[in-house]
Amino acid sequence: MKFRFFVALVCVLVCNLLFISTIKAQTTLYDLSELGMFPSDNSYATAKVNCNPALKNVEIGIIEANKKRHSYGYSVQIFFDSGVDAQKKAESVVEKFKRDCDTGEDAYVFYEAPYFKVRAGNCRSRLEATKLKKAIEAQFPGCFIIECKISYPKL
């Protein structure tokens, strides 16, 4: 009985050693700047990693998933309407916002049945949203602050 246990233990150890050596043989060297984590003009942030090739696919998947993530914050709603021409009106409001307001923020068209809505800004605090509202109040007098999902800021 002890002999069989010893043989099984040796087999397990040999398999583990073969598996580890196989993993080490499959390592690859890649540059982290290929993943798009750093700006293209950034010459001081480079790194080379020696790892399993499957890890690169995992890293790319994580980066893509984080691009789609949202958090809760505040936006300024500048338009909402329903009807036949509501989508065209919303798109024209976005164009007017881009043309007339020099705030550095983007405006987005949302559809929440039955309304097309235009929201501006991805503010993390109500104070930021209040500043944005004050800046665009002259062009859009009916605007108001709303708590909603916002996109992560671009770094």
N, C-alpha and C. Protein backbone atom coordinates (compact mmCIF):
# COMPACT_ATOMS: atom_id res chain seq x y z
N MET A 1 0.82 -1.19 0.00
CA MET A 1 0.00 0.00 0.00
C MET A 1 0.87 1.25 0.00
N LYS A 2 1.93 1.25 0.84
CA LYS A 2 2.82 2.40 0.90
C LYS A 2 3.57 2.56 -0.42
N PHE A 3 3.90 1.44 -1.06
CA PHE A 3 4.62 1.50 -2.32
C PHE A 3 3.76 2.15 -3.41
N ARG A 4 2.48 1.77 -3.46
CA ARG A 4 1.57 2.36 -4.45
C ARG A 4 1.42 3.86 -4.22
N PHE A 5 1.33 4.27 -2.97
CA PHE A 5 1.22 5.69 -2.65
C PHE A 5 2.48 6.43 -3.10
N PHE A 6 3.64 5.82 -2.84
CA PHE A 6 4.91 6.42 -3.23
C PHE A 6 5.00 6.55 -4.75
N VAL A 7 4.58 5.51 -5.49
CA VAL A 7 4.60 5.55 -6.96
C VAL A 7 3.65 6.63 -7.48
N ALA A 8 2.48 6.73 -6.89
CA ALA A 8 1.52 7.76 -7.30
C ALA A 8 2.06 9.16 -7.04
N LEU A 9 2.72 9.34 -5.89
CA LEU A 9 3.30 10.63 -5.54
C LEU A 9 4.41 11.01 -6.53
N VAL A 10 5.24 10.04 -6.89
CA VAL A 10 6.32 10.30 -7.85
C VAL A 10 5.72 10.66 -9.21
N CYS A 11 4.67 9.97 -9.62
CA CYS A 11 4.02 10.27 -10.90
C CYS A 11 3.46 11.68 -10.91
N VAL A 12 2.83 12.08 -9.83
CA VAL A 12 2.27 13.42 -9.74
C VAL A 12 3.37 14.47 -9.81
N LEU A 13 4.48 14.25 -9.10
CA LEU A 13 5.59 15.19 -9.12
C LEU A 13 6.21 15.30 -10.50
N VAL A 14 6.39 14.17 -11.18
CA VAL A 14 6.97 14.19 -12.53
C VAL A 14 6.04 14.94 -13.49
N CYS A 15 4.73 14.69 -13.39
CA CYS A 15 3.77 15.40 -14.25
C CYS A 15 3.82 16.91 -14.00
N ASN A 16 3.91 17.29 -12.73
CA ASN A 16 4.00 18.72 -12.41
C ASN A 16 5.27 19.34 -12.98
N LEU A 17 6.39 18.65 -12.88
CA LEU A 17 7.63 19.17 -13.43
C LEU A 17 7.56 19.30 -14.94
N LEU A 18 6.96 18.32 -15.61
CA LEU A 18 6.79 18.41 -17.06
C LEU A 18 5.86 19.56 -17.43
N PHE A 19 4.81 19.76 -16.67
CA PHE A 19 3.87 20.84 -16.94
C PHE A 19 4.55 22.19 -16.76
N ILE A 20 5.33 22.34 -15.69
CA ILE A 20 6.02 23.60 -15.43
C ILE A 20 7.06 23.87 -16.52
N SER A 21 7.78 22.85 -16.95
CA SER A 21 8.78 23.07 -17.99
C SER A 21 8.10 23.39 -19.32
N THR A 22 6.92 22.81 -19.57
CA THR A 22 6.17 23.14 -20.78
C THR A 22 5.72 24.59 -20.76
N ILE A 23 5.25 25.07 -19.63
CA ILE A 23 4.84 26.46 -19.51
C ILE A 23 6.02 27.39 -19.72
N LYS A 24 7.17 27.04 -19.13
CA LYS A 24 8.36 27.88 -19.30
C LYS A 24 8.80 27.89 -20.76
N ALA A 25 8.64 26.80 -21.47
CA ALA A 25 9.04 26.75 -22.87
C ALA A 25 8.11 27.58 -23.74
N GLN A 26 6.88 27.86 -23.28
CA GLN A 26 5.92 28.60 -24.08
C GLN A 26 5.89 30.08 -23.75
N THR A 27 6.84 30.58 -23.00
CA THR A 27 6.81 32.00 -22.69
C THR A 27 7.20 32.81 -23.90
N THR A 28 6.71 34.03 -23.94
CA THR A 28 6.99 34.93 -25.05
C THR A 28 7.29 36.32 -24.51
N LEU A 29 7.96 37.09 -25.30
CA LEU A 29 8.32 38.44 -24.91
C LEU A 29 7.46 39.39 -25.73
N TYR A 30 6.72 40.30 -25.06
CA TYR A 30 5.94 41.29 -25.79
C TYR A 30 6.02 42.63 -25.11
N ASP A 31 5.76 43.64 -25.88
CA ASP A 31 5.87 45.02 -25.44
C ASP A 31 4.50 45.50 -24.96
N LEU A 32 4.44 46.07 -23.76
CA LEU A 32 3.16 46.53 -23.21
C LEU A 32 2.56 47.69 -23.99
N SER A 33 3.38 48.42 -24.74
CA SER A 33 2.84 49.53 -25.52
C SER A 33 1.94 49.02 -26.65
N GLU A 34 2.07 47.73 -27.02
CA GLU A 34 1.19 47.15 -28.03
C GLU A 34 -0.26 47.07 -27.55
N LEU A 35 -0.47 47.05 -26.25
CA LEU A 35 -1.82 46.89 -25.71
C LEU A 35 -2.63 48.18 -25.75
N GLY A 36 -2.00 49.29 -26.05
CA GLY A 36 -2.72 50.56 -26.11
C GLY A 36 -2.94 51.19 -24.75
N MET A 37 -2.19 50.77 -23.75
CA MET A 37 -2.35 51.33 -22.41
C MET A 37 -1.69 52.69 -22.31
N PHE A 38 -0.69 52.95 -23.14
CA PHE A 38 0.03 54.21 -23.10
C PHE A 38 -0.27 54.99 -24.38
N PRO A 39 -0.25 56.31 -24.32
CA PRO A 39 -0.42 57.09 -25.55
C PRO A 39 0.69 56.78 -26.54
N SER A 40 0.40 56.92 -27.82
CA SER A 40 1.37 56.55 -28.84
C SER A 40 2.60 57.45 -28.83
N ASP A 41 2.46 58.70 -28.39
CA ASP A 41 3.59 59.61 -28.36
C ASP A 41 4.39 59.51 -27.05
N ASN A 42 4.05 58.55 -26.21
CA ASN A 42 4.68 58.41 -24.91
C ASN A 42 5.91 57.52 -25.04
N SER A 43 7.10 58.13 -25.06
CA SER A 43 8.31 57.35 -25.26
C SER A 43 8.96 56.91 -23.95
N TYR A 44 8.52 57.43 -22.82
CA TYR A 44 9.16 57.09 -21.55
C TYR A 44 8.46 55.96 -20.82
N ALA A 45 7.31 55.52 -21.26
CA ALA A 45 6.58 54.45 -20.57
C ALA A 45 6.59 53.20 -21.44
N THR A 46 7.67 52.45 -21.35
CA THR A 46 7.75 51.20 -22.09
C THR A 46 8.12 50.09 -21.13
N ALA A 47 7.66 48.90 -21.44
CA ALA A 47 7.99 47.74 -20.62
C ALA A 47 7.90 46.51 -21.49
N LYS A 48 8.80 45.58 -21.24
CA LYS A 48 8.77 44.30 -21.94
C LYS A 48 8.56 43.21 -20.91
N VAL A 49 7.66 42.27 -21.21
CA VAL A 49 7.28 41.23 -20.26
C VAL A 49 7.53 39.88 -20.91
N ASN A 50 8.13 38.97 -20.15
CA ASN A 50 8.36 37.61 -20.60
C ASN A 50 7.34 36.73 -19.89
N CYS A 51 6.32 36.25 -20.62
CA CYS A 51 5.25 35.48 -19.97
C CYS A 51 4.59 34.55 -20.96
N ASN A 52 3.59 33.84 -20.47
CA ASN A 52 2.81 32.91 -21.26
C ASN A 52 2.02 33.68 -22.31
N PRO A 53 1.95 33.21 -23.56
CA PRO A 53 1.23 33.94 -24.61
C PRO A 53 -0.26 34.11 -24.31
N ALA A 54 -0.85 33.21 -23.55
CA ALA A 54 -2.27 33.32 -23.21
C ALA A 54 -2.53 34.53 -22.33
N LEU A 55 -1.52 34.95 -21.58
CA LEU A 55 -1.67 36.10 -20.70
C LEU A 55 -1.92 37.38 -21.49
N LYS A 56 -1.34 37.47 -22.69
CA LYS A 56 -1.56 38.66 -23.53
C LYS A 56 -3.03 38.77 -23.91
N ASN A 57 -3.66 37.65 -24.25
CA ASN A 57 -5.08 37.67 -24.60
C ASN A 57 -5.94 38.06 -23.41
N VAL A 58 -5.57 37.59 -22.23
CA VAL A 58 -6.31 37.96 -21.02
C VAL A 58 -6.18 39.45 -20.77
N GLU A 59 -4.98 39.98 -20.93
CA GLU A 59 -4.72 41.41 -20.70
C GLU A 59 -5.53 42.26 -21.68
N ILE A 60 -5.56 41.87 -22.94
CA ILE A 60 -6.33 42.61 -23.94
C ILE A 60 -7.81 42.57 -23.60
N GLY A 61 -8.30 41.42 -23.15
CA GLY A 61 -9.71 41.30 -22.76
C GLY A 61 -10.07 42.19 -21.60
N ILE A 62 -9.19 42.29 -20.62
CA ILE A 62 -9.44 43.15 -19.46
C ILE A 62 -9.47 44.61 -19.88
N ILE A 63 -8.55 45.01 -20.74
CA ILE A 63 -8.52 46.40 -21.20
C ILE A 63 -9.78 46.73 -21.98
N GLU A 64 -10.22 45.85 -22.85
CA GLU A 64 -11.45 46.09 -23.62
C GLU A 64 -12.67 46.16 -22.71
N ALA A 65 -12.72 45.31 -21.70
CA ALA A 65 -13.86 45.32 -20.78
C ALA A 65 -13.90 46.62 -19.98
N ASN A 66 -12.73 47.14 -19.59
CA ASN A 66 -12.69 48.38 -18.83
C ASN A 66 -13.08 49.59 -19.66
N LYS A 67 -12.92 49.51 -20.99
CA LYS A 67 -13.34 50.62 -21.84
C LYS A 67 -14.85 50.77 -21.83
N LYS A 68 -15.56 49.69 -21.57
CA LYS A 68 -17.01 49.70 -21.60
C LYS A 68 -17.63 49.94 -20.23
N ARG A 69 -16.81 50.04 -19.19
CA ARG A 69 -17.34 50.18 -17.84
C ARG A 69 -17.85 51.59 -17.59
N HIS A 70 -18.79 51.68 -16.70
CA HIS A 70 -19.38 52.96 -16.33
C HIS A 70 -19.41 53.06 -14.81
N SER A 71 -19.51 54.27 -14.34
CA SER A 71 -19.71 54.51 -12.92
C SER A 71 -20.83 55.53 -12.77
N TYR A 72 -21.25 55.76 -11.56
CA TYR A 72 -22.32 56.73 -11.35
C TYR A 72 -21.73 58.10 -11.09
N GLY A 73 -22.36 59.11 -11.66
CA GLY A 73 -21.93 60.49 -11.52
C GLY A 73 -23.07 61.40 -11.93
N TYR A 74 -22.71 62.54 -12.50
CA TYR A 74 -23.70 63.54 -12.86
C TYR A 74 -23.48 64.03 -14.28
N SER A 75 -24.56 64.35 -14.94
CA SER A 75 -24.54 64.98 -16.26
C SER A 75 -25.55 66.11 -16.25
N VAL A 76 -25.45 66.97 -17.24
CA VAL A 76 -26.41 68.05 -17.40
C VAL A 76 -27.29 67.70 -18.59
N GLN A 77 -28.57 67.55 -18.33
CA GLN A 77 -29.50 67.22 -19.41
C GLN A 77 -29.96 68.52 -20.05
N ILE A 78 -29.72 68.63 -21.35
CA ILE A 78 -30.04 69.88 -22.03
C ILE A 78 -31.23 69.76 -22.98
N PHE A 79 -31.71 68.54 -23.21
CA PHE A 79 -32.83 68.36 -24.14
C PHE A 79 -33.48 67.01 -23.90
N PHE A 80 -34.80 66.97 -24.02
CA PHE A 80 -35.53 65.71 -24.11
C PHE A 80 -36.83 65.97 -24.85
N ASP A 81 -37.20 65.01 -25.70
CA ASP A 81 -38.40 65.16 -26.51
C ASP A 81 -38.80 63.79 -27.03
N SER A 82 -40.07 63.65 -27.33
CA SER A 82 -40.57 62.44 -27.97
C SER A 82 -41.38 62.88 -29.18
N GLY A 83 -41.49 62.02 -30.11
CA GLY A 83 -42.25 62.36 -31.30
C GLY A 83 -41.54 61.89 -32.55
N VAL A 84 -42.09 62.33 -33.68
CA VAL A 84 -41.59 61.86 -34.96
C VAL A 84 -40.17 62.38 -35.24
N ASP A 85 -39.93 63.64 -35.00
CA ASP A 85 -38.63 64.24 -35.32
C ASP A 85 -37.72 64.38 -34.11
N ALA A 86 -37.98 63.67 -33.05
CA ALA A 86 -37.24 63.85 -31.81
C ALA A 86 -35.76 63.49 -31.97
N GLN A 87 -35.46 62.45 -32.72
CA GLN A 87 -34.07 62.06 -32.89
C GLN A 87 -33.30 63.11 -33.68
N LYS A 88 -33.90 63.65 -34.72
CA LYS A 88 -33.23 64.69 -35.51
C LYS A 88 -33.02 65.95 -34.67
N LYS A 89 -34.00 66.29 -33.85
CA LYS A 89 -33.87 67.45 -32.98
C LYS A 89 -32.74 67.24 -31.97
N ALA A 90 -32.66 66.04 -31.42
CA ALA A 90 -31.62 65.74 -30.44
C ALA A 90 -30.23 65.84 -31.08
N GLU A 91 -30.09 65.32 -32.29
CA GLU A 91 -28.80 65.40 -32.98
C GLU A 91 -28.44 66.85 -33.31
N SER A 92 -29.44 67.68 -33.65
CA SER A 92 -29.15 69.09 -33.92
C SER A 92 -28.75 69.82 -32.62
N VAL A 93 -29.31 69.41 -31.49
CA VAL A 93 -28.92 70.01 -30.20
C VAL A 93 -27.48 69.65 -29.89
N VAL A 94 -27.07 68.42 -30.18
CA VAL A 94 -25.68 68.01 -29.96
C VAL A 94 -24.75 68.86 -30.82
N GLU A 95 -25.11 69.06 -32.08
CA GLU A 95 -24.29 69.89 -32.96
C GLU A 95 -24.22 71.34 -32.45
N LYS A 96 -25.34 71.87 -31.97
CA LYS A 96 -25.35 73.22 -31.42
C LYS A 96 -24.45 73.30 -30.18
N PHE A 97 -24.49 72.27 -29.35
CA PHE A 97 -23.66 72.24 -28.15
C PHE A 97 -22.18 72.25 -28.53
N LYS A 98 -21.80 71.42 -29.48
CA LYS A 98 -20.40 71.35 -29.92
C LYS A 98 -19.95 72.67 -30.53
N ARG A 99 -20.86 73.33 -31.24
CA ARG A 99 -20.53 74.57 -31.93
C ARG A 99 -20.47 75.77 -30.98
N ASP A 100 -21.42 75.88 -30.06
CA ASP A 100 -21.57 77.09 -29.24
C ASP A 100 -20.90 77.02 -27.88
N CYS A 101 -20.78 75.86 -27.30
CA CYS A 101 -20.25 75.74 -25.93
C CYS A 101 -18.81 75.27 -25.97
N ASP A 102 -17.94 76.07 -25.40
CA ASP A 102 -16.52 75.72 -25.37
C ASP A 102 -16.16 75.26 -23.96
N THR A 103 -16.70 74.11 -23.55
CA THR A 103 -16.47 73.61 -22.19
C THR A 103 -15.50 72.43 -22.16
N GLY A 104 -15.20 71.85 -23.30
CA GLY A 104 -14.34 70.67 -23.33
C GLY A 104 -15.08 69.38 -23.02
N GLU A 105 -16.37 69.46 -22.83
CA GLU A 105 -17.19 68.28 -22.54
C GLU A 105 -17.90 67.83 -23.81
N ASP A 106 -18.30 66.57 -23.83
CA ASP A 106 -19.05 66.01 -24.95
C ASP A 106 -20.52 65.94 -24.60
N ALA A 107 -21.35 65.94 -25.63
CA ALA A 107 -22.79 65.76 -25.46
C ALA A 107 -23.18 64.43 -26.10
N TYR A 108 -24.13 63.74 -25.49
CA TYR A 108 -24.52 62.41 -25.93
C TYR A 108 -26.03 62.34 -26.11
N VAL A 109 -26.46 61.57 -27.10
CA VAL A 109 -27.88 61.32 -27.32
C VAL A 109 -28.22 59.97 -26.71
N PHE A 110 -29.24 59.95 -25.87
CA PHE A 110 -29.74 58.72 -25.25
C PHE A 110 -31.18 58.52 -25.66
N TYR A 111 -31.59 57.27 -25.72
CA TYR A 111 -32.99 56.97 -25.93
C TYR A 111 -33.48 56.15 -24.75
N GLU A 112 -34.39 56.72 -24.00
CA GLU A 112 -35.10 56.02 -22.94
C GLU A 112 -36.58 56.19 -23.27
N ALA A 113 -37.20 55.11 -23.64
CA ALA A 113 -38.57 55.16 -24.17
C ALA A 113 -39.48 56.03 -23.32
N PRO A 114 -40.21 56.89 -23.90
CA PRO A 114 -40.33 57.28 -25.31
C PRO A 114 -39.51 58.52 -25.65
N TYR A 115 -38.53 58.89 -24.86
CA TYR A 115 -37.82 60.15 -25.04
C TYR A 115 -36.43 59.97 -25.62
N PHE A 116 -36.05 60.91 -26.48
CA PHE A 116 -34.66 61.09 -26.88
C PHE A 116 -34.11 62.19 -25.98
N LYS A 117 -32.98 61.92 -25.34
CA LYS A 117 -32.41 62.86 -24.39
C LYS A 117 -30.99 63.21 -24.80
N VAL A 118 -30.61 64.45 -24.52
CA VAL A 118 -29.24 64.89 -24.77
C VAL A 118 -28.66 65.29 -23.43
N ARG A 119 -27.55 64.65 -23.08
CA ARG A 119 -26.85 64.95 -21.83
C ARG A 119 -25.43 65.36 -22.15
N ALA A 120 -24.94 66.30 -21.38
CA ALA A 120 -23.59 66.82 -21.58
C ALA A 120 -22.74 66.54 -20.35
N GLY A 121 -21.52 66.13 -20.57
CA GLY A 121 -20.55 65.98 -19.49
C GLY A 121 -20.59 64.64 -18.80
N ASN A 122 -19.44 64.28 -18.25
CA ASN A 122 -19.27 63.10 -17.41
C ASN A 122 -18.64 63.59 -16.11
N CYS A 123 -19.46 64.15 -15.25
CA CYS A 123 -18.97 64.78 -14.02
C CYS A 123 -19.02 63.78 -12.88
N ARG A 124 -17.92 63.71 -12.12
CA ARG A 124 -17.86 62.78 -11.00
C ARG A 124 -18.50 63.34 -9.74
N SER A 125 -18.62 64.65 -9.66
CA SER A 125 -19.23 65.26 -8.47
C SER A 125 -20.32 66.24 -8.91
N ARG A 126 -21.20 66.53 -7.98
CA ARG A 126 -22.27 67.48 -8.27
C ARG A 126 -21.70 68.88 -8.48
N LEU A 127 -20.59 69.20 -7.84
CA LEU A 127 -19.96 70.50 -8.01
C LEU A 127 -19.48 70.69 -9.45
N GLU A 128 -18.86 69.66 -10.02
CA GLU A 128 -18.44 69.74 -11.43
C GLU A 128 -19.64 69.94 -12.34
N ALA A 129 -20.73 69.22 -12.05
CA ALA A 129 -21.94 69.35 -12.86
C ALA A 129 -22.54 70.74 -12.73
N THR A 130 -22.48 71.32 -11.54
CA THR A 130 -23.00 72.67 -11.33
C THR A 130 -22.20 73.69 -12.13
N LYS A 131 -20.88 73.53 -12.15
CA LYS A 131 -20.03 74.42 -12.95
C LYS A 131 -20.35 74.31 -14.43
N LEU A 132 -20.55 73.09 -14.90
CA LEU A 132 -20.92 72.89 -16.30
C LEU A 132 -22.27 73.50 -16.61
N LYS A 133 -23.22 73.32 -15.71
CA LYS A 133 -24.56 73.89 -15.91
C LYS A 133 -24.50 75.41 -16.00
N LYS A 134 -23.72 76.04 -15.14
CA LYS A 134 -23.58 77.50 -15.18
C LYS A 134 -22.95 77.96 -16.49
N ALA A 135 -22.01 77.15 -17.02
CA ALA A 135 -21.32 77.54 -18.24
C ALA A 135 -22.22 77.45 -19.47
N ILE A 136 -23.20 76.54 -19.47
CA ILE A 136 -24.03 76.36 -20.67
C ILE A 136 -25.45 76.87 -20.49
N GLU A 137 -25.74 77.45 -19.35
CA GLU A 137 -27.10 77.89 -19.06
C GLU A 137 -27.58 78.97 -20.03
N ALA A 138 -26.69 79.80 -20.53
CA ALA A 138 -27.11 80.86 -21.45
C ALA A 138 -27.61 80.29 -22.77
N GLN A 139 -26.94 79.25 -23.29
CA GLN A 139 -27.36 78.64 -24.56
C GLN A 139 -28.53 77.68 -24.38
N PHE A 140 -28.61 77.02 -23.23
CA PHE A 140 -29.66 76.03 -22.96
C PHE A 140 -30.33 76.36 -21.62
N PRO A 141 -31.29 77.29 -21.63
CA PRO A 141 -31.86 77.77 -20.36
C PRO A 141 -32.65 76.72 -19.57
N GLY A 142 -33.13 75.68 -20.20
CA GLY A 142 -33.92 74.68 -19.47
C GLY A 142 -33.10 73.50 -18.98
N CYS A 143 -31.79 73.61 -18.95
CA CYS A 143 -30.95 72.47 -18.57
C CYS A 143 -31.03 72.21 -17.07
N PHE A 144 -30.76 70.96 -16.70
CA PHE A 144 -30.77 70.59 -15.29
C PHE A 144 -29.81 69.44 -15.05
N ILE A 145 -29.39 69.29 -13.81
CA ILE A 145 -28.42 68.26 -13.42
C ILE A 145 -29.16 66.96 -13.14
N ILE A 146 -28.58 65.87 -13.59
CA ILE A 146 -29.19 64.56 -13.38
C ILE A 146 -28.11 63.57 -12.95
N GLU A 147 -28.46 62.71 -12.01
CA GLU A 147 -27.54 61.64 -11.60
C GLU A 147 -27.75 60.46 -12.53
N CYS A 148 -26.66 59.96 -13.11
CA CYS A 148 -26.76 58.89 -14.10
C CYS A 148 -25.44 58.15 -14.21
N LYS A 149 -25.40 57.15 -15.07
CA LYS A 149 -24.16 56.44 -15.35
C LYS A 149 -23.32 57.32 -16.26
N ILE A 150 -22.03 57.40 -15.94
CA ILE A 150 -21.10 58.18 -16.76
C ILE A 150 -19.95 57.28 -17.19
N SER A 151 -19.29 57.66 -18.25
CA SER A 151 -18.11 56.94 -18.71
C SER A 151 -16.92 57.36 -17.88
N TYR A 152 -15.96 56.46 -17.75
CA TYR A 152 -14.73 56.80 -17.05
C TYR A 152 -14.01 57.90 -17.81
N PRO A 153 -13.36 58.81 -17.10
CA PRO A 153 -12.64 59.87 -17.82
C PRO A 153 -11.43 59.29 -18.53
N LYS A 154 -11.09 59.91 -19.67
CA LYS A 154 -9.91 59.50 -20.40
C LYS A 154 -8.69 60.07 -19.72
N LEU A 155 -7.71 59.23 -19.48
CA LEU A 155 -6.50 59.68 -18.80
C LEU A 155 -5.43 60.04 -19.79
